[in-house]
């Protein structure tokens, strides 16, 4: 499994990641770019600057998520569980649905699940329920998924979880 770290390259962090069971470690700005936005203009501008790096997006709105999945060069989408503040009375608002899953499959996009989001969640149960729901949808609609740390500091790097359902 690949580990994506939201920190500058560090030999120490790379070795720690390898010790904790991650096969490859990627660092922001060196191997990939990480975009957090709710603006179409910012998203498209950052994508143009990316060159041949992997593009990871954490969308801040449903419109940006749809744009990223349908019409952009974004490779990986992460943080869908944080799109909605509250769940519906009758269902989990996980940020993903069957239409978005079909679009992601057709356009060869990857949905990522962040261990750092779970680590720092105020309401961990809600985040875990949303991740579980998204995982089921991704499996049903054959969307590619990854699990990674997305750690911002060396202390946040978590071991690879081999038992996470795929």
Protein backbone atom coordinates (compact mmCIF):
# COMPACT_ATOMS: atom_id res chain seq x y z
CA UNK A 1 0.00 0.00 0.00
CA UNK A 2 1.12 3.52 -0.78
CA UNK A 3 1.42 6.19 1.87
CA UNK A 4 0.76 9.83 0.93
CA UNK A 5 2.22 12.34 3.40
CA UNK A 6 1.24 16.02 3.49
CA UNK A 7 4.72 17.13 4.55
CA UNK A 8 8.01 18.03 2.91
CA UNK A 9 10.36 15.18 2.06
CA UNK A 10 12.22 13.74 5.03
CA UNK A 11 14.42 10.65 4.98
CA UNK A 12 13.40 9.98 8.59
CA UNK A 13 9.68 10.05 7.74
CA UNK A 14 10.27 7.82 4.73
CA UNK A 15 12.10 5.23 6.85
CA UNK A 16 9.42 5.36 9.57
CA UNK A 17 6.73 4.84 6.95
CA UNK A 18 8.58 1.82 5.58
CA UNK A 19 9.01 0.39 9.12
CA UNK A 20 5.28 0.74 9.73
CA UNK A 21 4.46 -1.42 6.71
CA UNK A 22 3.90 1.03 3.85
CA UNK A 23 5.48 -0.15 0.58
CA UNK A 24 5.99 3.28 -1.01
CA UNK A 25 5.87 6.77 0.45
CA UNK A 26 4.95 9.90 -1.49
CA UNK A 27 5.52 13.46 -0.26
CA UNK A 28 3.55 16.59 -1.13
CA UNK A 29 5.13 18.94 -3.71
CA UNK A 30 7.79 16.34 -4.57
CA UNK A 31 5.58 13.49 -5.80
CA UNK A 32 2.05 14.92 -5.80
CA UNK A 33 0.09 18.10 -5.28
CA UNK A 34 -2.70 18.40 -2.72
CA UNK A 35 -5.57 20.77 -3.47
CA UNK A 36 -8.25 21.86 -0.97
CA UNK A 37 -10.75 24.22 -2.54
CA UNK A 38 -14.35 25.13 -3.19
CA UNK A 39 -13.48 27.29 -6.20
CA UNK A 40 -13.59 26.00 -9.77
CA UNK A 41 -11.08 28.64 -10.88
CA UNK A 42 -8.53 27.68 -8.18
CA UNK A 43 -8.93 23.97 -8.94
CA UNK A 44 -8.36 24.36 -12.68
CA UNK A 45 -5.41 26.73 -12.09
CA UNK A 46 -3.70 24.30 -9.72
CA UNK A 47 -4.26 21.41 -12.13
CA UNK A 48 -2.56 23.40 -14.93
CA UNK A 49 0.47 24.00 -12.68
CA UNK A 50 0.74 20.33 -11.64
CA UNK A 51 2.60 19.05 -14.67
CA UNK A 52 2.96 15.28 -14.50
CA UNK A 53 2.55 14.95 -10.72
CA UNK A 54 -0.27 13.01 -9.10
CA UNK A 55 -3.17 15.35 -8.27
CA UNK A 56 -5.03 14.75 -5.01
CA UNK A 57 -8.13 16.80 -4.22
CA UNK A 58 -10.00 17.35 -0.99
CA UNK A 59 -13.22 19.00 -2.23
CA UNK A 60 -15.02 21.51 -0.05
CA UNK A 61 -18.31 21.34 -1.96
CA UNK A 62 -20.39 18.87 -3.97
CA UNK A 63 -19.99 20.97 -7.13
CA UNK A 64 -16.18 20.77 -6.98
CA UNK A 65 -16.36 17.02 -6.33
CA UNK A 66 -18.57 16.49 -9.39
CA UNK A 67 -16.31 18.69 -11.55
CA UNK A 68 -13.23 16.80 -10.37
CA UNK A 69 -14.73 13.41 -11.13
CA UNK A 70 -16.27 14.35 -14.49
CA UNK A 71 -14.06 16.87 -16.25
CA UNK A 72 -10.66 17.28 -14.60
CA UNK A 73 -7.29 15.57 -14.40
CA UNK A 74 -7.61 14.90 -10.65
CA UNK A 75 -6.29 11.39 -9.92
CA UNK A 76 -7.34 10.87 -6.30
CA UNK A 77 -10.20 12.34 -4.26
CA UNK A 78 -9.98 12.27 -0.45
CA UNK A 79 -12.04 13.60 2.46
CA UNK A 80 -15.53 13.00 1.07
CA UNK A 81 -16.73 12.14 4.56
CA UNK A 82 -16.23 15.77 5.62
CA UNK A 83 -18.41 17.34 2.89
CA UNK A 84 -21.62 17.37 4.94
CA UNK A 85 -21.83 18.52 8.53
CA UNK A 86 -24.98 16.61 9.45
CA UNK A 87 -26.46 13.29 8.40
CA UNK A 88 -30.05 12.96 7.25
CA UNK A 89 -32.55 11.47 9.65
CA UNK A 90 -32.90 8.44 7.37
CA UNK A 91 -29.45 7.92 5.84
CA UNK A 92 -25.75 8.68 6.12
CA UNK A 93 -24.58 11.69 4.07
CA UNK A 94 -21.19 10.31 3.14
CA UNK A 95 -20.38 12.60 0.20
CA UNK A 96 -20.63 9.77 -2.30
CA UNK A 97 -23.57 8.21 -4.12
CA UNK A 98 -24.16 5.73 -6.93
CA UNK A 99 -24.04 8.40 -9.64
CA UNK A 100 -20.66 9.72 -8.47
CA UNK A 101 -19.35 6.14 -8.15
CA UNK A 102 -20.33 5.40 -11.75
CA UNK A 103 -18.63 8.60 -12.93
CA UNK A 104 -15.50 7.75 -10.93
CA UNK A 105 -15.36 4.25 -12.42
CA UNK A 106 -15.88 5.51 -15.98
CA UNK A 107 -13.16 8.18 -15.60
CA UNK A 108 -10.70 5.94 -13.74
CA UNK A 109 -10.61 8.07 -10.56
CA UNK A 110 -9.48 6.81 -7.16
CA UNK A 111 -11.32 7.42 -3.89
CA UNK A 112 -8.98 7.66 -0.89
CA UNK A 113 -9.71 7.14 2.78
CA UNK A 114 -7.57 9.13 5.20
CA UNK A 115 -6.42 7.59 8.48
CA UNK A 116 -5.53 11.11 9.65
CA UNK A 117 -9.19 12.14 9.32
CA UNK A 118 -10.16 9.32 11.64
CA UNK A 119 -7.35 10.16 14.07
CA UNK A 120 -8.39 13.82 14.40
CA UNK A 121 -12.18 13.45 14.10
CA UNK A 122 -14.26 15.03 16.84
CA UNK A 123 -17.06 12.57 16.13
CA UNK A 124 -15.11 9.44 15.17
CA UNK A 125 -18.20 7.21 14.98
CA UNK A 126 -19.78 9.45 12.34
CA UNK A 127 -16.62 9.49 10.20
CA UNK A 128 -16.22 5.71 10.48
CA UNK A 129 -19.87 5.14 9.49
CA UNK A 130 -19.41 7.38 6.45
CA UNK A 131 -16.18 5.63 5.46
CA UNK A 132 -17.87 2.23 5.80
CA UNK A 133 -20.77 3.39 3.61
CA UNK A 134 -18.41 4.85 1.00
CA UNK A 135 -16.36 1.64 1.02
CA UNK A 136 -19.50 -0.42 0.31
CA UNK A 137 -20.49 1.89 -2.55
CA UNK A 138 -16.99 1.77 -4.03
CA UNK A 139 -16.92 -2.01 -3.87
CA UNK A 140 -20.38 -2.32 -5.44
CA UNK A 141 -19.58 0.04 -8.33
CA UNK A 142 -15.96 -1.15 -8.74
CA UNK A 143 -14.36 2.20 -7.90
CA UNK A 144 -10.64 2.04 -7.16
CA UNK A 145 -9.85 2.89 -3.54
CA UNK A 146 -6.79 3.44 -1.39
CA UNK A 147 -6.19 3.89 2.32
CA UNK A 148 -3.36 6.20 3.38
CA UNK A 149 -2.17 8.30 6.32
CA UNK A 150 -2.23 11.79 4.79
CA UNK A 151 -0.17 12.78 7.84
CA UNK A 152 0.97 16.38 8.24
CA UNK A 153 3.59 15.62 10.89
CA UNK A 154 5.95 12.71 11.48
CA UNK A 155 4.14 11.88 14.72
CA UNK A 156 0.87 11.28 12.84
CA UNK A 157 2.20 8.48 10.63
CA UNK A 158 0.14 5.37 11.38
CA UNK A 159 0.98 1.77 10.51
CA UNK A 160 -0.49 0.21 7.40
CA UNK A 161 -3.74 -1.57 8.11
CA UNK A 162 -3.91 -4.87 6.30
CA UNK A 163 -7.37 -5.72 7.64
CA UNK A 164 -9.15 -2.65 6.16
CA UNK A 165 -11.83 -3.97 3.75
CA UNK A 166 -11.13 -3.42 0.07
